[in-house]
Amino acid sequence: MYLKIYIKKFNILKKNLIYIQDNFFKFIKIKNIMSKKTWLIWTIKLLFGLVILFILFYKVGIYNILNTIKSINPIYLLPLIITFLSDSLLATLNIKILLKAINLKLKYKILLNYVLYSWALALFTPSRIGEFSIVYHLKKEEIPSGEALAIILIDKLITFVSLSIISLVGFYIFYPKIFLTLLFSFISTIIILLFLISNDYLKNLFVRYILRNFAHYFQGFRKTLFLIIKKKFHFLLLNFLLTILKWCITSFTVYFIFLSLSNSIPLYYIFIINAMMVIVSLIPFTLSGLGIRELISVALYSKIGIPTNIATSMLIILLTISYLWAIIVIFSYKHKNI
């Protein structure tokens, strides 16, 4: 009986992955020979990331890492149940707020189900494209794909802006010499994005030469985006504040893991380093920032006096718990007919 349930879960997971491939891989023109080329690039990036991880573990010392993990006090990991759940609840609330901004209603419990599943799926897909599976689920709830995609991208953009601002504070503290350069780059990026979005001529070129036959996936995207920016800006502000709160809770997750390793770190340092780690991991040298993310994190924690074996052990524990939580989410996910 349980075997049949697990087989059904795997089949549903496979259908979700096929949906992502059909509707997002097509958009970036990955098919036939191009598909092989893209998978080759992803494989190279994955291997490069694994090489960086191997070098990191080798330099720190695998035995040092294992001995550190063995000394863990599991009682401090119990609060992670609350932090992981709170993180998911706030992520769902952010999407709910943006849906309300365009007068779309969806029960919070249903939306939470979709947010959790898309997050879990993202951990097992290249470049976290599994996060966009939520667009498919929102479409099942009769929310047009263009509007659903606009909501998700706006939420991601707000997350990027909030983490960039926090990261700039971090770079000012840790690397003051490059702060002004990064500040200028950040402001320039925001201006360019706003210009590309607002310019009708560029929009038409994008639709004609890039989207082409896939433009129907984005119907209502620009309208939704401008509706929220121009007339419902307070919803964006609320989303921004909740995003900051969400990352504060994520910082508590790391804080308790450090406590389990008998290390207490000021929460504001964790808050800043987490943001810097995410932003730096966007550099497309490895798959989903694998290796670069961990290397930067260990380097930054070492600047505040945290031994490399402690920082590396924290990352391993965090990654392990995240994947265990994702597996639980995937196998407890309540599907409608797909």
Protein backbone atom coordinates (compact mmCIF):
# COMPACT_ATOMS: atom_id res chain seq x y z
CA MET A 1 0.00 0.00 0.00
CA TYR A 2 2.75 2.46 1.00
CA LEU A 3 4.72 1.48 -2.10
CA LYS A 4 1.77 2.45 -4.32
CA ILE A 5 1.48 5.80 -2.54
CA TYR A 6 5.19 6.54 -3.05
CA ILE A 7 4.99 5.53 -6.73
CA LYS A 8 2.04 7.87 -7.17
CA LYS A 9 3.99 10.70 -5.51
CA PHE A 10 6.97 10.13 -7.81
CA ASN A 11 4.69 10.11 -10.89
CA ILE A 12 3.12 13.42 -9.83
CA LEU A 13 6.56 14.88 -9.21
CA LYS A 14 7.59 13.73 -12.68
CA LYS A 15 4.54 15.45 -14.20
CA ASN A 16 5.48 18.70 -12.47
CA LEU A 17 9.02 18.49 -13.81
CA ILE A 18 7.68 17.81 -17.31
CA TYR A 19 5.45 20.87 -17.02
CA ILE A 20 8.42 23.04 -16.07
CA GLN A 21 10.40 21.67 -18.99
CA ASP A 22 7.57 22.18 -21.49
CA ASN A 23 6.65 25.69 -20.39
CA PHE A 24 9.92 27.25 -19.26
CA PHE A 25 12.63 25.37 -21.10
CA LYS A 26 10.79 26.14 -24.32
CA PHE A 27 10.79 29.82 -23.44
CA ILE A 28 14.57 29.90 -23.31
CA LYS A 29 14.67 27.72 -26.46
CA ILE A 30 16.11 24.56 -24.96
CA LYS A 31 15.24 21.75 -27.28
CA ASN A 32 16.91 19.09 -29.38
CA ILE A 33 20.63 19.99 -29.85
CA MET A 34 20.26 23.17 -27.79
CA SER A 35 18.95 21.04 -24.94
CA LYS A 36 22.10 18.92 -25.00
CA LYS A 37 24.24 22.04 -25.08
CA THR A 38 22.39 23.56 -22.13
CA TRP A 39 22.57 20.38 -20.09
CA LEU A 40 26.30 20.24 -20.87
CA ILE A 41 26.74 23.80 -19.55
CA TRP A 42 24.74 22.93 -16.42
CA THR A 43 26.86 19.81 -15.91
CA ILE A 44 30.08 21.80 -16.23
CA LYS A 45 28.78 24.38 -13.76
CA LEU A 46 27.78 21.60 -11.37
CA LEU A 47 31.23 19.99 -11.59
CA PHE A 48 32.91 23.37 -11.10
CA GLY A 49 30.82 23.94 -7.99
CA LEU A 50 31.66 20.49 -6.64
CA VAL A 51 35.36 21.16 -7.25
CA ILE A 52 35.11 24.37 -5.20
CA LEU A 53 33.35 22.44 -2.43
CA PHE A 54 36.01 19.73 -2.49
CA ILE A 55 38.80 22.32 -2.22
CA LEU A 56 36.95 24.03 0.63
CA PHE A 57 36.45 20.78 2.53
CA TYR A 58 40.05 19.76 1.87
CA LYS A 59 41.43 23.07 3.15
CA VAL A 60 39.22 23.04 6.24
CA GLY A 61 39.86 19.34 6.86
CA ILE A 62 37.20 16.67 6.48
CA TYR A 63 38.05 15.13 9.85
CA ASN A 64 37.77 18.55 11.51
CA ILE A 65 34.33 19.00 9.96
CA LEU A 66 33.15 15.52 11.00
CA ASN A 67 34.41 15.96 14.55
CA THR A 68 32.65 19.32 14.76
CA ILE A 69 29.36 17.86 13.55
CA LYS A 70 29.70 14.98 16.06
CA SER A 71 29.80 17.54 18.87
CA ILE A 72 26.41 18.98 17.93
CA ASN A 73 23.82 19.56 20.65
CA PRO A 74 20.53 18.56 18.96
CA ILE A 75 18.36 20.35 21.52
CA TYR A 76 19.21 23.67 19.81
CA LEU A 77 17.88 22.34 16.50
CA LEU A 78 14.31 22.01 17.80
CA PRO A 79 13.51 25.73 17.22
CA LEU A 80 14.27 25.13 13.52
CA ILE A 81 10.83 23.56 13.20
CA ILE A 82 9.35 26.95 14.09
CA THR A 83 11.74 28.96 11.92
CA PHE A 84 11.20 26.79 8.81
CA LEU A 85 7.41 26.92 9.22
CA SER A 86 7.44 30.68 9.89
CA ASP A 87 9.57 31.24 6.81
CA SER A 88 7.06 29.35 4.66
CA LEU A 89 4.10 31.17 6.21
CA LEU A 90 5.64 34.57 5.46
CA ALA A 91 6.59 33.56 1.91
CA THR A 92 2.97 32.56 1.34
CA LEU A 93 1.69 35.80 2.86
CA ASN A 94 3.89 37.78 0.46
CA ILE A 95 2.30 36.08 -2.55
CA LYS A 96 -1.15 36.46 -0.99
CA ILE A 97 -0.62 40.21 -0.60
CA LEU A 98 0.40 40.64 -4.24
CA LEU A 99 -2.60 38.60 -5.40
CA LYS A 100 -4.86 40.83 -3.33
CA ALA A 101 -3.26 43.87 -4.97
CA ILE A 102 -4.77 42.79 -8.31
CA ASN A 103 -8.06 41.66 -6.75
CA LEU A 104 -7.39 37.93 -7.00
CA LYS A 105 -8.46 35.64 -4.19
CA LEU A 106 -7.04 32.28 -3.19
CA LYS A 107 -7.36 30.51 0.14
CA TYR A 108 -4.25 30.87 2.24
CA LYS A 109 -4.07 27.14 2.99
CA ILE A 110 -4.14 26.25 -0.71
CA LEU A 111 -1.52 28.88 -1.53
CA LEU A 112 0.70 27.66 1.32
CA ASN A 113 0.53 24.18 -0.20
CA TYR A 114 1.72 25.51 -3.56
CA VAL A 115 4.48 27.73 -2.09
CA LEU A 116 5.89 24.88 -0.01
CA TYR A 117 5.88 22.49 -2.94
CA SER A 118 7.49 24.93 -5.39
CA TRP A 119 10.21 25.73 -2.83
CA ALA A 120 10.90 22.03 -2.25
CA LEU A 121 10.93 21.31 -5.98
CA ALA A 122 13.40 24.16 -6.52
CA LEU A 123 16.02 22.37 -4.42
CA PHE A 124 16.02 19.46 -6.86
CA THR A 125 16.00 21.41 -10.13
CA PRO A 126 18.83 23.27 -11.93
CA SER A 127 19.06 26.99 -11.13
CA ARG A 128 16.02 26.59 -8.83
CA ILE A 129 13.61 26.77 -11.79
CA GLY A 130 11.27 24.55 -9.79
CA GLU A 131 10.12 27.70 -7.98
CA PHE A 132 8.23 28.65 -11.14
CA SER A 133 6.05 25.55 -10.86
CA ILE A 134 3.82 27.71 -8.68
CA VAL A 135 2.73 29.54 -11.85
CA TYR A 136 1.25 26.27 -13.11
CA HIS A 137 -0.56 25.68 -9.81
CA LEU A 138 -1.95 29.22 -9.76
CA LYS A 139 -3.17 28.70 -13.30
CA LYS A 140 -5.13 25.67 -12.06
CA GLU A 141 -6.89 28.08 -9.69
CA GLU A 142 -8.00 30.12 -12.73
CA ILE A 143 -5.33 32.78 -12.29
CA PRO A 144 -3.98 33.69 -15.77
CA SER A 145 -0.37 32.61 -16.31
CA GLY A 146 0.75 36.14 -17.23
CA GLU A 147 -0.62 37.59 -14.02
CA ALA A 148 0.68 34.67 -11.97
CA LEU A 149 4.15 35.07 -13.50
CA ALA A 150 4.05 38.82 -12.82
CA ILE A 151 3.23 38.17 -9.15
CA ILE A 152 6.08 35.67 -8.75
CA LEU A 153 8.63 37.87 -10.54
CA ILE A 154 7.62 40.95 -8.55
CA ASP A 155 8.04 38.97 -5.34
CA LYS A 156 11.48 37.79 -6.51
CA LEU A 157 12.45 41.32 -7.50
CA ILE A 158 11.49 42.66 -4.07
CA THR A 159 13.55 39.90 -2.47
CA PHE A 160 16.51 40.82 -4.70
CA VAL A 161 16.23 44.53 -3.85
CA SER A 162 15.91 43.91 -0.11
CA LEU A 163 18.85 41.50 -0.01
CA SER A 164 20.93 43.85 -2.19
CA ILE A 165 20.38 46.70 0.26
CA ILE A 166 21.38 44.50 3.20
CA SER A 167 24.37 43.22 1.21
CA LEU A 168 25.54 46.77 0.53
CA VAL A 169 25.67 47.33 4.28
CA GLY A 170 27.72 44.15 4.55
CA PHE A 171 30.14 45.18 1.83
CA TYR A 172 30.54 48.56 3.55
CA ILE A 173 31.52 46.71 6.75
CA PHE A 174 33.69 43.95 5.28
CA TYR A 175 34.92 45.40 1.97
CA PRO A 176 34.66 49.22 2.17
CA LYS A 177 37.00 49.75 -0.80
CA ILE A 178 34.47 48.33 -3.30
CA PHE A 179 31.35 49.70 -1.61
CA LEU A 180 30.88 52.75 -3.86
CA THR A 181 31.39 50.65 -7.00
CA LEU A 182 28.73 48.15 -5.88
CA LEU A 183 26.35 50.94 -4.86
CA PHE A 184 26.65 52.51 -8.30
CA SER A 185 26.13 49.10 -9.96
CA PHE A 186 23.01 48.44 -7.87
CA ILE A 187 21.42 51.82 -8.66
CA SER A 188 22.29 51.44 -12.36
CA THR A 189 20.73 47.96 -12.48
CA ILE A 190 17.46 49.21 -10.96
CA ILE A 191 17.29 52.15 -13.39
CA ILE A 192 17.96 49.88 -16.40
CA LEU A 193 15.30 47.40 -15.28
CA LEU A 194 12.71 50.16 -14.85
CA PHE A 195 13.60 51.58 -18.27
CA LEU A 196 13.29 48.18 -19.99
CA ILE A 197 9.93 47.53 -18.35
CA SER A 198 8.43 50.96 -19.09
CA ASN A 199 9.64 51.41 -22.67
CA ASP A 200 6.98 50.33 -25.19
CA TYR A 201 9.43 50.03 -28.08
CA LEU A 202 11.73 47.69 -26.17
CA LYS A 203 8.72 45.72 -24.97
CA ASN A 204 7.53 45.16 -28.55
CA LEU A 205 11.03 44.07 -29.62
CA PHE A 206 11.17 41.63 -26.73
CA VAL A 207 7.80 40.12 -27.64
CA ARG A 208 8.54 39.96 -31.38
CA TYR A 209 12.08 38.58 -31.37
CA ILE A 210 12.47 36.76 -28.05
CA LEU A 211 9.10 35.58 -26.78
CA ARG A 212 7.59 34.99 -30.22
CA ASN A 213 5.20 32.01 -30.01
CA PHE A 214 5.47 31.99 -26.22
CA ALA A 215 4.15 35.51 -25.75
CA HIS A 216 0.76 34.11 -24.68
CA TYR A 217 2.35 32.87 -21.45
CA PHE A 218 2.96 36.51 -20.55
CA GLN A 219 -0.45 37.94 -21.35
CA GLY A 220 -1.34 40.38 -18.60
CA PHE A 221 2.20 40.47 -17.24
CA ARG A 222 3.02 44.11 -17.97
CA LYS A 223 -0.48 45.30 -17.07
CA THR A 224 -0.28 43.56 -13.70
CA LEU A 225 3.19 44.92 -13.03
CA PHE A 226 2.22 48.54 -13.68
CA LEU A 227 -1.08 48.23 -11.83
CA ILE A 228 0.75 47.25 -8.65
CA ILE A 229 3.59 49.75 -9.05
CA LYS A 230 1.41 52.75 -9.90
CA LYS A 231 -1.80 52.18 -7.92
CA LYS A 232 -1.02 49.58 -5.25
CA PHE A 233 2.46 50.61 -4.17
CA HIS A 234 1.61 50.13 -0.47
CA PHE A 235 1.26 46.41 -1.20
CA LEU A 236 4.84 46.41 -2.49
CA LEU A 237 6.00 48.19 0.66
CA LEU A 238 4.22 45.63 2.85
CA ASN A 239 5.79 42.80 0.85
CA PHE A 240 9.20 44.44 1.30
CA LEU A 241 8.80 44.67 5.09
CA LEU A 242 7.62 41.07 5.32
CA THR A 243 10.58 39.99 3.20
CA ILE A 244 12.95 41.65 5.68
CA LEU A 245 11.13 39.86 8.52
CA LYS A 246 11.35 36.59 6.61
CA TRP A 247 15.13 36.90 6.31
CA CYS A 248 15.37 37.78 10.00
CA ILE A 249 13.71 34.44 10.73
CA THR A 250 16.11 32.71 8.34
CA SER A 251 18.92 34.28 10.35
CA PHE A 252 17.49 32.71 13.51
CA THR A 253 17.76 29.32 11.77
CA VAL A 254 21.49 29.83 11.27
CA TYR A 255 21.80 31.30 14.79
CA PHE A 256 20.40 28.15 16.41
CA ILE A 257 22.63 25.90 14.30
CA PHE A 258 25.65 27.84 15.51
CA LEU A 259 24.38 27.47 19.08
CA SER A 260 24.15 23.70 18.55
CA LEU A 261 27.86 23.85 17.68
CA SER A 262 28.59 25.79 20.90
CA ASN A 263 29.08 29.12 19.12
CA SER A 264 27.08 32.27 19.72
CA ILE A 265 27.15 34.93 17.00
CA PRO A 266 25.43 38.35 17.02
CA LEU A 267 22.26 37.98 14.97
CA TYR A 268 22.92 41.08 12.87
CA TYR A 269 26.12 39.54 11.50
CA ILE A 270 24.21 36.42 10.43
CA PHE A 271 21.51 38.61 8.87
CA ILE A 272 24.05 40.53 6.80
CA ILE A 273 26.19 37.52 5.81
CA ASN A 274 23.11 35.53 4.72
CA ALA A 275 22.09 38.34 2.39
CA MET A 276 25.61 38.68 0.97
CA MET A 277 25.81 34.93 0.45
CA VAL A 278 22.59 34.89 -1.59
CA ILE A 279 23.51 37.89 -3.74
CA VAL A 280 27.04 36.64 -4.48
CA SER A 281 25.67 33.19 -5.34
CA LEU A 282 23.77 34.80 -8.23
CA ILE A 283 27.07 35.02 -10.09
CA PRO A 284 26.53 32.37 -12.81
CA PHE A 285 29.86 30.56 -12.51
CA THR A 286 28.34 27.47 -10.89
CA LEU A 287 24.93 25.80 -10.79
CA SER A 288 22.70 27.75 -8.37
CA GLY A 289 25.81 29.26 -6.80
CA LEU A 290 26.99 25.88 -5.52
CA GLY A 291 30.46 26.17 -4.00
CA ILE A 292 30.66 29.95 -4.38
CA ARG A 293 27.89 30.37 -1.82
CA GLU A 294 29.65 28.16 0.72
CA LEU A 295 33.10 29.64 0.05
CA ILE A 296 31.88 33.22 0.52
CA SER A 297 29.98 32.26 3.67
CA VAL A 298 33.02 30.62 5.29
CA ALA A 299 35.23 33.58 4.31
CA LEU A 300 32.82 36.13 5.79
CA TYR A 301 32.31 34.22 9.02
CA SER A 302 36.07 33.89 9.39
CA LYS A 303 36.26 37.70 9.30
CA ILE A 304 34.28 37.84 12.54
CA GLY A 305 36.36 35.17 14.22
CA ILE A 306 34.37 32.01 13.48
CA PRO A 307 36.65 29.01 12.80
CA THR A 308 36.32 27.60 9.29
CA ASN A 309 35.38 24.13 10.56
CA ILE A 310 32.48 25.62 12.56
CA ALA A 311 31.20 27.69 9.60
CA THR A 312 31.52 24.76 7.18
CA SER A 313 29.74 22.41 9.60
CA MET A 314 26.91 24.93 9.96
CA LEU A 315 26.44 25.02 6.18
CA ILE A 316 26.38 21.22 5.93
CA ILE A 317 23.82 20.94 8.74
CA LEU A 318 21.66 23.68 7.20
CA LEU A 319 21.79 22.04 3.76
CA THR A 320 20.96 18.61 5.20
CA ILE A 321 17.97 19.91 7.18
CA SER A 322 16.73 21.90 4.18
CA TYR A 323 16.73 18.84 1.92
CA LEU A 324 15.09 16.67 4.59
CA TRP A 325 12.38 19.30 4.99
CA ALA A 326 11.97 19.47 1.18
CA ILE A 327 11.58 15.68 0.95
CA ILE A 328 8.93 15.76 3.69
CA VAL A 329 7.08 18.54 1.84
CA ILE A 330 7.17 16.71 -1.50
CA PHE A 331 5.86 13.45 -0.08
CA SER A 332 3.18 15.09 2.02
CA TYR A 333 2.01 17.43 -0.74
CA LYS A 334 -1.69 17.24 -1.47
CA HIS A 335 -2.20 17.27 -5.24
CA LYS A 336 -5.24 17.99 -7.26
CA ASN A 337 -5.55 16.29 -10.61
CA ILE A 338 -2.61 17.25 -12.75
